[in-house]
mmCIF file of all heavy atoms, coordinates in Angstrom:
data_MODEL
# 
_entry.id   MODEL 
# 
loop_
_atom_site.group_PDB 
_atom_site.id 
_atom_site.type_symbol 
_atom_site.label_atom_id 
_atom_site.label_alt_id 
_atom_site.label_comp_id 
_atom_site.label_asym_id 
_atom_site.label_entity_id 
_atom_site.label_seq_id 
_atom_site.pdbx_PDB_ins_code 
_atom_site.Cartn_x 
_atom_site.Cartn_y 
_atom_site.Cartn_z 
_atom_site.occupancy 
_atom_site.B_iso_or_equiv 
_atom_site.pdbx_formal_charge 
_atom_site.auth_seq_id 
_atom_site.auth_comp_id 
_atom_site.auth_asym_id 
_atom_site.auth_atom_id 
_atom_site.pdbx_PDB_model_num 
ATOM 1   N N   . TRP A 1 1  ? -52.372 138.337 14.570 1.00 0.00 ? 1  TRP A N   1 
ATOM 2   C CA  . TRP A 1 1  ? -52.991 138.219 15.877 1.00 0.00 ? 1  TRP A CA  1 
ATOM 3   C C   . TRP A 1 1  ? -53.923 139.390 16.119 1.00 0.00 ? 1  TRP A C   1 
ATOM 4   O O   . TRP A 1 1  ? -53.529 140.559 15.936 1.00 0.00 ? 1  TRP A O   1 
ATOM 5   C CB  . TRP A 1 1  ? -51.908 138.170 16.942 1.00 0.00 ? 1  TRP A CB  1 
ATOM 6   C CG  . TRP A 1 1  ? -52.380 137.863 18.324 1.00 0.00 ? 1  TRP A CG  1 
ATOM 7   C CD1 . TRP A 1 1  ? -52.948 136.708 18.761 1.00 0.00 ? 1  TRP A CD1 1 
ATOM 8   C CD2 . TRP A 1 1  ? -52.318 138.732 19.454 1.00 0.00 ? 1  TRP A CD2 1 
ATOM 9   N NE1 . TRP A 1 1  ? -53.230 136.799 20.094 1.00 0.00 ? 1  TRP A NE1 1 
ATOM 10  C CE2 . TRP A 1 1  ? -52.856 138.043 20.553 1.00 0.00 ? 1  TRP A CE2 1 
ATOM 11  C CE3 . TRP A 1 1  ? -51.846 140.026 19.654 1.00 0.00 ? 1  TRP A CE3 1 
ATOM 12  C CZ2 . TRP A 1 1  ? -52.952 138.588 21.814 1.00 0.00 ? 1  TRP A CZ2 1 
ATOM 13  C CZ3 . TRP A 1 1  ? -51.944 140.578 20.910 1.00 0.00 ? 1  TRP A CZ3 1 
ATOM 14  C CH2 . TRP A 1 1  ? -52.491 139.855 21.973 1.00 0.00 ? 1  TRP A CH2 1 
ATOM 15  N N   . LYS A 1 2  ? -55.156 139.085 16.453 1.00 0.00 ? 2  LYS A N   1 
ATOM 16  C CA  . LYS A 1 2  ? -56.187 140.094 16.728 1.00 0.00 ? 2  LYS A CA  1 
ATOM 17  C C   . LYS A 1 2  ? -56.315 141.120 15.601 1.00 0.00 ? 2  LYS A C   1 
ATOM 18  O O   . LYS A 1 2  ? -56.348 142.329 15.831 1.00 0.00 ? 2  LYS A O   1 
ATOM 19  C CB  . LYS A 1 2  ? -55.913 140.797 18.058 1.00 0.00 ? 2  LYS A CB  1 
ATOM 20  C CG  . LYS A 1 2  ? -56.090 139.899 19.266 1.00 0.00 ? 2  LYS A CG  1 
ATOM 21  C CD  . LYS A 1 2  ? -55.992 140.694 20.553 1.00 0.00 ? 2  LYS A CD  1 
ATOM 22  C CE  . LYS A 1 2  ? -56.221 139.774 21.736 1.00 0.00 ? 2  LYS A CE  1 
ATOM 23  N NZ  . LYS A 1 2  ? -56.184 140.501 23.012 1.00 0.00 ? 2  LYS A NZ  1 
ATOM 24  N N   . GLY A 1 3  ? -56.337 140.621 14.382 1.00 0.00 ? 3  GLY A N   1 
ATOM 25  C CA  . GLY A 1 3  ? -56.538 141.492 13.225 1.00 0.00 ? 3  GLY A CA  1 
ATOM 26  C C   . GLY A 1 3  ? -55.333 142.286 12.792 1.00 0.00 ? 3  GLY A C   1 
ATOM 27  O O   . GLY A 1 3  ? -55.445 143.184 11.961 1.00 0.00 ? 3  GLY A O   1 
ATOM 28  N N   . LYS A 1 4  ? -54.160 141.991 13.339 1.00 0.00 ? 4  LYS A N   1 
ATOM 29  C CA  . LYS A 1 4  ? -52.945 142.736 12.979 1.00 0.00 ? 4  LYS A CA  1 
ATOM 30  C C   . LYS A 1 4  ? -51.823 141.770 12.658 1.00 0.00 ? 4  LYS A C   1 
ATOM 31  O O   . LYS A 1 4  ? -51.718 140.699 13.245 1.00 0.00 ? 4  LYS A O   1 
ATOM 32  C CB  . LYS A 1 4  ? -52.491 143.629 14.136 1.00 0.00 ? 4  LYS A CB  1 
ATOM 33  C CG  . LYS A 1 4  ? -53.312 144.852 14.372 1.00 0.00 ? 4  LYS A CG  1 
ATOM 34  C CD  . LYS A 1 4  ? -52.647 145.693 15.438 1.00 0.00 ? 4  LYS A CD  1 
ATOM 35  C CE  . LYS A 1 4  ? -53.319 147.048 15.527 1.00 0.00 ? 4  LYS A CE  1 
ATOM 36  N NZ  . LYS A 1 4  ? -52.599 147.923 16.458 1.00 0.00 ? 4  LYS A NZ  1 
ATOM 37  N N   . HIS A 1 5  ? -50.954 142.195 11.743 1.00 0.00 ? 5  HIS A N   1 
ATOM 38  C CA  . HIS A 1 5  ? -49.728 141.449 11.494 1.00 0.00 ? 5  HIS A CA  1 
ATOM 39  C C   . HIS A 1 5  ? -48.684 141.941 12.492 1.00 0.00 ? 5  HIS A C   1 
ATOM 40  O O   . HIS A 1 5  ? -48.485 143.155 12.638 1.00 0.00 ? 5  HIS A O   1 
ATOM 41  C CB  . HIS A 1 5  ? -49.217 141.694 10.067 1.00 0.00 ? 5  HIS A CB  1 
ATOM 42  C CG  . HIS A 1 5  ? -49.961 140.925 9.034  1.00 0.00 ? 5  HIS A CG  1 
ATOM 43  N ND1 . HIS A 1 5  ? -50.933 141.482 8.253  1.00 0.00 ? 5  HIS A ND1 1 
ATOM 44  C CD2 . HIS A 1 5  ? -49.879 139.630 8.667  1.00 0.00 ? 5  HIS A CD2 1 
ATOM 45  C CE1 . HIS A 1 5  ? -51.420 140.568 7.444  1.00 0.00 ? 5  HIS A CE1 1 
ATOM 46  N NE2 . HIS A 1 5  ? -50.795 139.434 7.673  1.00 0.00 ? 5  HIS A NE2 1 
ATOM 47  N N   . LEU A 1 6  ? -48.036 141.031 13.160 1.00 0.00 ? 6  LEU A N   1 
ATOM 48  C CA  . LEU A 1 6  ? -46.983 141.372 14.110 1.00 0.00 ? 6  LEU A CA  1 
ATOM 49  C C   . LEU A 1 6  ? -45.654 140.843 13.592 1.00 0.00 ? 6  LEU A C   1 
ATOM 50  O O   . LEU A 1 6  ? -45.540 139.665 13.250 1.00 0.00 ? 6  LEU A O   1 
ATOM 51  C CB  . LEU A 1 6  ? -47.275 140.760 15.483 1.00 0.00 ? 6  LEU A CB  1 
ATOM 52  C CG  . LEU A 1 6  ? -48.588 141.150 16.144 1.00 0.00 ? 6  LEU A CG  1 
ATOM 53  C CD1 . LEU A 1 6  ? -48.777 140.366 17.439 1.00 0.00 ? 6  LEU A CD1 1 
ATOM 54  C CD2 . LEU A 1 6  ? -48.638 142.643 16.409 1.00 0.00 ? 6  LEU A CD2 1 
ATOM 55  N N   . VAL A 1 7  ? -44.652 141.721 13.537 1.00 0.00 ? 7  VAL A N   1 
ATOM 56  C CA  . VAL A 1 7  ? -43.318 141.312 13.124 1.00 0.00 ? 7  VAL A CA  1 
ATOM 57  C C   . VAL A 1 7  ? -42.584 140.851 14.375 1.00 0.00 ? 7  VAL A C   1 
ATOM 58  O O   . VAL A 1 7  ? -42.470 141.592 15.351 1.00 0.00 ? 7  VAL A O   1 
ATOM 59  C CB  . VAL A 1 7  ? -42.554 142.473 12.454 1.00 0.00 ? 7  VAL A CB  1 
ATOM 60  C CG1 . VAL A 1 7  ? -41.137 142.047 12.101 1.00 0.00 ? 7  VAL A CG1 1 
ATOM 61  C CG2 . VAL A 1 7  ? -43.300 142.963 11.223 1.00 0.00 ? 7  VAL A CG2 1 
ATOM 62  N N   . LEU A 1 8  ? -42.115 139.622 14.338 1.00 0.00 ? 8  LEU A N   1 
ATOM 63  C CA  . LEU A 1 8  ? -41.383 139.059 15.463 1.00 0.00 ? 8  LEU A CA  1 
ATOM 64  C C   . LEU A 1 8  ? -39.893 139.144 15.164 1.00 0.00 ? 8  LEU A C   1 
ATOM 65  O O   . LEU A 1 8  ? -39.380 138.398 14.340 1.00 0.00 ? 8  LEU A O   1 
ATOM 66  C CB  . LEU A 1 8  ? -41.788 137.596 15.685 1.00 0.00 ? 8  LEU A CB  1 
ATOM 67  C CG  . LEU A 1 8  ? -43.284 137.323 15.815 1.00 0.00 ? 8  LEU A CG  1 
ATOM 68  C CD1 . LEU A 1 8  ? -43.542 135.829 15.864 1.00 0.00 ? 8  LEU A CD1 1 
ATOM 69  C CD2 . LEU A 1 8  ? -43.846 138.012 17.040 1.00 0.00 ? 8  LEU A CD2 1 
ATOM 70  N N   . THR A 1 9  ? -39.230 140.077 15.802 1.00 0.00 ? 9  THR A N   1 
ATOM 71  C CA  . THR A 1 9  ? -37.787 140.216 15.576 1.00 0.00 ? 9  THR A CA  1 
ATOM 72  C C   . THR A 1 9  ? -37.084 139.177 16.456 1.00 0.00 ? 9  THR A C   1 
ATOM 73  O O   . THR A 1 9  ? -36.700 139.460 17.579 1.00 0.00 ? 9  THR A O   1 
ATOM 74  C CB  . THR A 1 9  ? -37.297 141.635 15.915 1.00 0.00 ? 9  THR A CB  1 
ATOM 75  O OG1 . THR A 1 9  ? -37.716 141.956 17.248 1.00 0.00 ? 9  THR A OG1 1 
ATOM 76  C CG2 . THR A 1 9  ? -37.843 142.658 14.948 1.00 0.00 ? 9  THR A CG2 1 
ATOM 77  N N   . GLN A 1 10 ? -36.962 137.996 15.909 1.00 0.00 ? 10 GLN A N   1 
ATOM 78  C CA  . GLN A 1 10 ? -36.383 136.881 16.654 1.00 0.00 ? 10 GLN A CA  1 
ATOM 79  C C   . GLN A 1 10 ? -34.880 137.064 16.786 1.00 0.00 ? 10 GLN A C   1 
ATOM 80  O O   . GLN A 1 10 ? -34.158 137.107 15.785 1.00 0.00 ? 10 GLN A O   1 
ATOM 81  C CB  . GLN A 1 10 ? -36.730 135.562 15.968 1.00 0.00 ? 10 GLN A CB  1 
ATOM 82  C CG  . GLN A 1 10 ? -38.212 135.302 15.960 1.00 0.00 ? 10 GLN A CG  1 
ATOM 83  C CD  . GLN A 1 10 ? -38.563 134.000 15.269 1.00 0.00 ? 10 GLN A CD  1 
ATOM 84  O OE1 . GLN A 1 10 ? -37.703 133.199 14.941 1.00 0.00 ? 10 GLN A OE1 1 
ATOM 85  N NE2 . GLN A 1 10 ? -39.845 133.799 15.045 1.00 0.00 ? 10 GLN A NE2 1 
ATOM 86  N N   . LYS A 1 11 ? -34.441 137.171 18.031 1.00 0.00 ? 11 LYS A N   1 
ATOM 87  C CA  . LYS A 1 11 ? -33.039 137.425 18.337 1.00 0.00 ? 11 LYS A CA  1 
ATOM 88  C C   . LYS A 1 11 ? -32.112 136.407 17.673 1.00 0.00 ? 11 LYS A C   1 
ATOM 89  O O   . LYS A 1 11 ? -31.079 136.773 17.131 1.00 0.00 ? 11 LYS A O   1 
ATOM 90  C CB  . LYS A 1 11 ? -32.850 137.444 19.851 1.00 0.00 ? 11 LYS A CB  1 
ATOM 91  C CG  . LYS A 1 11 ? -31.450 137.833 20.285 1.00 0.00 ? 11 LYS A CG  1 
ATOM 92  C CD  . LYS A 1 11 ? -31.366 137.910 21.791 1.00 0.00 ? 11 LYS A CD  1 
ATOM 93  C CE  . LYS A 1 11 ? -30.025 138.255 22.335 1.00 0.00 ? 11 LYS A CE  1 
ATOM 94  N NZ  . LYS A 1 11 ? -28.869 138.153 21.541 1.00 0.00 ? 11 LYS A NZ  1 
ATOM 95  N N   . GLU A 1 12 ? -32.522 135.124 17.679 1.00 0.00 ? 12 GLU A N   1 
ATOM 96  C CA  . GLU A 1 12 ? -31.662 134.085 17.109 1.00 0.00 ? 12 GLU A CA  1 
ATOM 97  C C   . GLU A 1 12 ? -31.431 134.321 15.614 1.00 0.00 ? 12 GLU A C   1 
ATOM 98  O O   . GLU A 1 12 ? -30.312 134.177 15.124 1.00 0.00 ? 12 GLU A O   1 
ATOM 99  C CB  . GLU A 1 12 ? -32.270 132.685 17.273 1.00 0.00 ? 12 GLU A CB  1 
ATOM 100 C CG  . GLU A 1 12 ? -32.821 132.345 18.632 1.00 0.00 ? 12 GLU A CG  1 
ATOM 101 C CD  . GLU A 1 12 ? -34.246 132.852 18.856 1.00 0.00 ? 12 GLU A CD  1 
ATOM 102 O OE1 . GLU A 1 12 ? -35.160 132.550 18.070 1.00 0.00 ? 12 GLU A OE1 1 
ATOM 103 O OE2 . GLU A 1 12 ? -34.427 133.569 19.847 1.00 0.00 ? 12 GLU A OE2 1 
ATOM 104 N N   . ILE A 1 13 ? -32.496 134.682 14.897 1.00 0.00 ? 13 ILE A N   1 
ATOM 105 C CA  . ILE A 1 13 ? -32.385 134.911 13.451 1.00 0.00 ? 13 ILE A CA  1 
ATOM 106 C C   . ILE A 1 13 ? -31.495 136.115 13.175 1.00 0.00 ? 13 ILE A C   1 
ATOM 107 O O   . ILE A 1 13 ? -30.618 136.077 12.304 1.00 0.00 ? 13 ILE A O   1 
ATOM 108 C CB  . ILE A 1 13 ? -33.780 135.089 12.813 1.00 0.00 ? 13 ILE A CB  1 
ATOM 109 C CG1 . ILE A 1 13 ? -34.565 133.774 12.881 1.00 0.00 ? 13 ILE A CG1 1 
ATOM 110 C CG2 . ILE A 1 13 ? -33.659 135.567 11.366 1.00 0.00 ? 13 ILE A CG2 1 
ATOM 111 C CD1 . ILE A 1 13 ? -36.004 133.872 12.400 1.00 0.00 ? 13 ILE A CD1 1 
ATOM 112 N N   . LEU A 1 14 ? -31.693 137.205 13.935 1.00 0.00 ? 14 LEU A N   1 
ATOM 113 C CA  . LEU A 1 14 ? -30.885 138.410 13.729 1.00 0.00 ? 14 LEU A CA  1 
ATOM 114 C C   . LEU A 1 14 ? -29.427 138.175 14.118 1.00 0.00 ? 14 LEU A C   1 
ATOM 115 O O   . LEU A 1 14 ? -28.517 138.631 13.418 1.00 0.00 ? 14 LEU A O   1 
ATOM 116 C CB  . LEU A 1 14 ? -31.473 139.585 14.508 1.00 0.00 ? 14 LEU A CB  1 
ATOM 117 C CG  . LEU A 1 14 ? -32.849 140.067 14.032 1.00 0.00 ? 14 LEU A CG  1 
ATOM 118 C CD1 . LEU A 1 14 ? -33.401 141.148 14.946 1.00 0.00 ? 14 LEU A CD1 1 
ATOM 119 C CD2 . LEU A 1 14 ? -32.801 140.553 12.595 1.00 0.00 ? 14 LEU A CD2 1 
ATOM 120 N N   . ASP A 1 15 ? -29.191 137.449 15.201 1.00 0.00 ? 15 ASP A N   1 
ATOM 121 C CA  . ASP A 1 15 ? -27.806 137.150 15.612 1.00 0.00 ? 15 ASP A CA  1 
ATOM 122 C C   . ASP A 1 15 ? -27.106 136.274 14.575 1.00 0.00 ? 15 ASP A C   1 
ATOM 123 O O   . ASP A 1 15 ? -25.945 136.492 14.244 1.00 0.00 ? 15 ASP A O   1 
ATOM 124 C CB  . ASP A 1 15 ? -27.776 136.454 16.980 1.00 0.00 ? 15 ASP A CB  1 
ATOM 125 C CG  . ASP A 1 15 ? -28.120 137.407 18.122 1.00 0.00 ? 15 ASP A CG  1 
ATOM 126 O OD1 . ASP A 1 15 ? -28.110 138.637 17.898 1.00 0.00 ? 15 ASP A OD1 1 
ATOM 127 O OD2 . ASP A 1 15 ? -28.411 136.913 19.234 1.00 0.00 ? 15 ASP A OD2 1 
ATOM 128 N N   . GLU A 1 16 ? -27.829 135.278 14.063 1.00 0.00 ? 16 GLU A N   1 
ATOM 129 C CA  . GLU A 1 16 ? -27.270 134.397 13.031 1.00 0.00 ? 16 GLU A CA  1 
ATOM 130 C C   . GLU A 1 16 ? -26.943 135.200 11.770 1.00 0.00 ? 16 GLU A C   1 
ATOM 131 O O   . GLU A 1 16 ? -25.892 135.000 11.154 1.00 0.00 ? 16 GLU A O   1 
ATOM 132 C CB  . GLU A 1 16 ? -28.279 133.297 12.709 1.00 0.00 ? 16 GLU A CB  1 
ATOM 133 C CG  . GLU A 1 16 ? -27.800 132.297 11.685 1.00 0.00 ? 16 GLU A CG  1 
ATOM 134 C CD  . GLU A 1 16 ? -28.874 131.262 11.360 1.00 0.00 ? 16 GLU A CD  1 
ATOM 135 O OE1 . GLU A 1 16 ? -29.602 130.841 12.286 1.00 0.00 ? 16 GLU A OE1 1 
ATOM 136 O OE2 . GLU A 1 16 ? -28.979 130.875 10.182 1.00 0.00 ? 16 GLU A OE2 1 
ATOM 137 N N   . PHE A 1 17 ? -27.821 136.137 11.419 1.00 0.00 ? 17 PHE A N   1 
ATOM 138 C CA  . PHE A 1 17 ? -27.597 136.985 10.249 1.00 0.00 ? 17 PHE A CA  1 
ATOM 139 C C   . PHE A 1 17 ? -26.356 137.850 10.436 1.00 0.00 ? 17 PHE A C   1 
ATOM 140 O O   . PHE A 1 17 ? -25.510 137.943 9.543  1.00 0.00 ? 17 PHE A O   1 
ATOM 141 C CB  . PHE A 1 17 ? -28.831 137.858 9.988  1.00 0.00 ? 17 PHE A CB  1 
ATOM 142 C CG  . PHE A 1 17 ? -28.625 138.872 8.905  1.00 0.00 ? 17 PHE A CG  1 
ATOM 143 C CD1 . PHE A 1 17 ? -28.573 138.496 7.572  1.00 0.00 ? 17 PHE A CD1 1 
ATOM 144 C CD2 . PHE A 1 17 ? -28.480 140.214 9.222  1.00 0.00 ? 17 PHE A CD2 1 
ATOM 145 C CE1 . PHE A 1 17 ? -28.377 139.430 6.573  1.00 0.00 ? 17 PHE A CE1 1 
ATOM 146 C CE2 . PHE A 1 17 ? -28.293 141.162 8.218  1.00 0.00 ? 17 PHE A CE2 1 
ATOM 147 C CZ  . PHE A 1 17 ? -28.236 140.763 6.895  1.00 0.00 ? 17 PHE A CZ  1 
ATOM 148 N N   . ARG A 1 18 ? -26.228 138.478 11.610 1.00 0.00 ? 18 ARG A N   1 
ATOM 149 C CA  . ARG A 1 18 ? -25.057 139.335 11.882 1.00 0.00 ? 18 ARG A CA  1 
ATOM 150 C C   . ARG A 1 18 ? -23.759 138.512 11.829 1.00 0.00 ? 18 ARG A C   1 
ATOM 151 O O   . ARG A 1 18 ? -22.756 138.964 11.284 1.00 0.00 ? 18 ARG A O   1 
ATOM 152 C CB  . ARG A 1 18 ? -25.201 140.004 13.246 1.00 0.00 ? 18 ARG A CB  1 
ATOM 153 C CG  . ARG A 1 18 ? -26.253 141.085 13.271 1.00 0.00 ? 18 ARG A CG  1 
ATOM 154 C CD  . ARG A 1 18 ? -26.316 141.753 14.655 1.00 0.00 ? 18 ARG A CD  1 
ATOM 155 N NE  . ARG A 1 18 ? -27.498 142.563 14.777 1.00 0.00 ? 18 ARG A NE  1 
ATOM 156 C CZ  . ARG A 1 18 ? -28.521 142.301 15.590 1.00 0.00 ? 18 ARG A CZ  1 
ATOM 157 N NH1 . ARG A 1 18 ? -28.497 141.247 16.384 1.00 0.00 ? 18 ARG A NH1 1 
ATOM 158 N NH2 . ARG A 1 18 ? -29.565 143.108 15.634 1.00 0.00 ? 18 ARG A NH2 1 
ATOM 159 N N   . ALA A 1 19 ? -23.786 137.320 12.396 1.00 0.00 ? 19 ALA A N   1 
ATOM 160 C CA  . ALA A 1 19 ? -22.593 136.450 12.394 1.00 0.00 ? 19 ALA A CA  1 
ATOM 161 C C   . ALA A 1 19 ? -22.228 136.059 10.965 1.00 0.00 ? 19 ALA A C   1 
ATOM 162 O O   . ALA A 1 19 ? -21.053 136.044 10.590 1.00 0.00 ? 19 ALA A O   1 
ATOM 163 C CB  . ALA A 1 19 ? -22.851 135.212 13.243 1.00 0.00 ? 19 ALA A CB  1 
ATOM 164 N N   . LYS A 1 20 ? -23.257 135.763 10.167 1.00 0.00 ? 20 LYS A N   1 
ATOM 165 C CA  . LYS A 1 20 ? -23.036 135.385 8.769  1.00 0.00 ? 20 LYS A CA  1 
ATOM 166 C C   . LYS A 1 20 ? -22.427 136.549 7.986  1.00 0.00 ? 20 LYS A C   1 
ATOM 167 O O   . LYS A 1 20 ? -21.537 136.359 7.153  1.00 0.00 ? 20 LYS A O   1 
ATOM 168 C CB  . LYS A 1 20 ? -24.365 134.967 8.147  1.00 0.00 ? 20 LYS A CB  1 
ATOM 169 C CG  . LYS A 1 20 ? -24.273 134.117 6.931  1.00 0.00 ? 20 LYS A CG  1 
ATOM 170 C CD  . LYS A 1 20 ? -25.679 133.685 6.533  1.00 0.00 ? 20 LYS A CD  1 
ATOM 171 C CE  . LYS A 1 20 ? -25.665 132.660 5.454  1.00 0.00 ? 20 LYS A CE  1 
ATOM 172 N NZ  . LYS A 1 20 ? -27.008 132.264 5.054  1.00 0.00 ? 20 LYS A NZ  1 
ATOM 173 N N   . LEU A 1 21 ? -22.894 137.770 8.270  1.00 0.00 ? 21 LEU A N   1 
ATOM 174 C CA  . LEU A 1 21 ? -22.348 138.955 7.599  1.00 0.00 ? 21 LEU A CA  1 
ATOM 175 C C   . LEU A 1 21 ? -20.868 139.129 7.899  1.00 0.00 ? 21 LEU A C   1 
ATOM 176 O O   . LEU A 1 21 ? -20.078 139.428 7.010  1.00 0.00 ? 21 LEU A O   1 
ATOM 177 C CB  . LEU A 1 21 ? -23.098 140.218 8.041  1.00 0.00 ? 21 LEU A CB  1 
ATOM 178 C CG  . LEU A 1 21 ? -24.320 140.641 7.259  1.00 0.00 ? 21 LEU A CG  1 
ATOM 179 C CD1 . LEU A 1 21 ? -24.862 141.952 7.798  1.00 0.00 ? 21 LEU A CD1 1 
ATOM 180 C CD2 . LEU A 1 21 ? -24.056 140.753 5.785  1.00 0.00 ? 21 LEU A CD2 1 
ATOM 181 N N   . LYS A 1 22 ? -20.491 138.958 9.161  1.00 0.00 ? 22 LYS A N   1 
ATOM 182 C CA  . LYS A 1 22 ? -19.084 139.098 9.550  1.00 0.00 ? 22 LYS A CA  1 
ATOM 183 C C   . LYS A 1 22 ? -18.216 138.033 8.901  1.00 0.00 ? 22 LYS A C   1 
ATOM 184 O O   . LYS A 1 22 ? -17.108 138.297 8.462  1.00 0.00 ? 22 LYS A O   1 
ATOM 185 C CB  . LYS A 1 22 ? -18.940 139.019 11.066 1.00 0.00 ? 22 LYS A CB  1 
ATOM 186 C CG  . LYS A 1 22 ? -19.406 140.244 11.793 1.00 0.00 ? 22 LYS A CG  1 
ATOM 187 C CD  . LYS A 1 22 ? -19.225 140.084 13.285 1.00 0.00 ? 22 LYS A CD  1 
ATOM 188 C CE  . LYS A 1 22 ? -19.822 141.278 14.020 1.00 0.00 ? 22 LYS A CE  1 
ATOM 189 N NZ  . LYS A 1 22 ? -19.756 141.097 15.474 1.00 0.00 ? 22 LYS A NZ  1 
ATOM 190 N N   . LYS A 1 23 ? -18.755 136.816 8.851  1.00 0.00 ? 23 LYS A N   1 
ATOM 191 C CA  . LYS A 1 23 ? -18.007 135.670 8.346  1.00 0.00 ? 23 LYS A CA  1 
ATOM 192 C C   . LYS A 1 23 ? -17.830 135.716 6.826  1.00 0.00 ? 23 LYS A C   1 
ATOM 193 O O   . LYS A 1 23 ? -16.777 135.375 6.306  1.00 0.00 ? 23 LYS A O   1 
ATOM 194 C CB  . LYS A 1 23 ? -18.749 134.390 8.730  1.00 0.00 ? 23 LYS A CB  1 
ATOM 195 C CG  . LYS A 1 23 ? -17.973 133.136 8.599  1.00 0.00 ? 23 LYS A CG  1 
ATOM 196 C CD  . LYS A 1 23 ? -18.816 131.977 9.121  1.00 0.00 ? 23 LYS A CD  1 
ATOM 197 C CE  . LYS A 1 23 ? -18.031 130.705 9.215  1.00 0.00 ? 23 LYS A CE  1 
ATOM 198 N NZ  . LYS A 1 23 ? -18.870 129.595 9.673  1.00 0.00 ? 23 LYS A NZ  1 
ATOM 199 N N   . HIS A 1 24 ? -18.846 136.141 6.124  1.00 0.00 ? 24 HIS A N   1 
ATOM 200 C CA  . HIS A 1 24 ? -18.839 136.093 4.662  1.00 0.00 ? 24 HIS A CA  1 
ATOM 201 C C   . HIS A 1 24 ? -18.712 137.477 4.044  1.00 0.00 ? 24 HIS A C   1 
ATOM 202 O O   . HIS A 1 24 ? -19.497 137.855 3.204  1.00 0.00 ? 24 HIS A O   1 
ATOM 203 C CB  . HIS A 1 24 ? -20.126 135.431 4.148  1.00 0.00 ? 24 HIS A CB  1 
ATOM 204 C CG  . HIS A 1 24 ? -20.272 134.025 4.570  1.00 0.00 ? 24 HIS A CG  1 
ATOM 205 N ND1 . HIS A 1 24 ? -19.559 133.000 4.002  1.00 0.00 ? 24 HIS A ND1 1 
ATOM 206 C CD2 . HIS A 1 24 ? -21.028 133.453 5.530  1.00 0.00 ? 24 HIS A CD2 1 
ATOM 207 C CE1 . HIS A 1 24 ? -19.880 131.867 4.580  1.00 0.00 ? 24 HIS A CE1 1 
ATOM 208 N NE2 . HIS A 1 24 ? -20.773 132.108 5.513  1.00 0.00 ? 24 HIS A NE2 1 
ATOM 209 N N   . ARG A 1 25 ? -17.719 138.192 4.421  1.00 0.00 ? 25 ARG A N   1 
ATOM 210 C CA  . ARG A 1 25 ? -17.503 139.523 3.859  1.00 0.00 ? 25 ARG A CA  1 
ATOM 211 C C   . ARG A 1 25 ? -16.715 139.413 2.555  1.00 0.00 ? 25 ARG A C   1 
ATOM 212 O O   . ARG A 1 25 ? -15.620 139.935 2.425  1.00 0.00 ? 25 ARG A O   1 
ATOM 213 C CB  . ARG A 1 25 ? -16.759 140.413 4.852  1.00 0.00 ? 25 ARG A CB  1 
ATOM 214 C CG  . ARG A 1 25 ? -17.573 140.711 6.083  1.00 0.00 ? 25 ARG A CG  1 
ATOM 215 C CD  . ARG A 1 25 ? -17.763 142.164 6.200  1.00 0.00 ? 25 ARG A CD  1 
ATOM 216 N NE  . ARG A 1 25 ? -18.606 142.426 7.362  1.00 0.00 ? 25 ARG A NE  1 
ATOM 217 C CZ  . ARG A 1 25 ? -19.329 143.489 7.468  1.00 0.00 ? 25 ARG A CZ  1 
ATOM 218 N NH1 . ARG A 1 25 ? -19.322 144.393 6.534  1.00 0.00 ? 25 ARG A NH1 1 
ATOM 219 N NH2 . ARG A 1 25 ? -20.066 143.686 8.517  1.00 0.00 ? 25 ARG A NH2 1 
ATOM 220 N N   . LYS A 1 26 ? -17.308 138.702 1.589  1.00 0.00 ? 26 LYS A N   1 
ATOM 221 C CA  . LYS A 1 26 ? -16.674 138.587 0.277  1.00 0.00 ? 26 LYS A CA  1 
ATOM 222 C C   . LYS A 1 26 ? -16.689 139.965 -0.363 1.00 0.00 ? 26 LYS A C   1 
ATOM 223 O O   . LYS A 1 26 ? -17.134 140.924 0.219  1.00 0.00 ? 26 LYS A O   1 
ATOM 224 C CB  . LYS A 1 26 ? -17.450 137.605 -0.601 1.00 0.00 ? 26 LYS A CB  1 
ATOM 225 C CG  . LYS A 1 26 ? -17.364 136.172 -0.148 1.00 0.00 ? 26 LYS A CG  1 
ATOM 226 C CD  . LYS A 1 26 ? -18.148 135.306 -1.087 1.00 0.00 ? 26 LYS A CD  1 
ATOM 227 C CE  . LYS A 1 26 ? -18.205 133.880 -0.579 1.00 0.00 ? 26 LYS A CE  1 
ATOM 228 N NZ  . LYS A 1 26 ? -19.055 133.041 -1.402 1.00 0.00 ? 26 LYS A NZ  1 
# 
């Protein structure tokens, strides 16, 4: 956007990742 890359820290993706980490602590 406007000549720059913007990182969108999407809450849903990060929350899903954290939940997956807790669940799959192999």
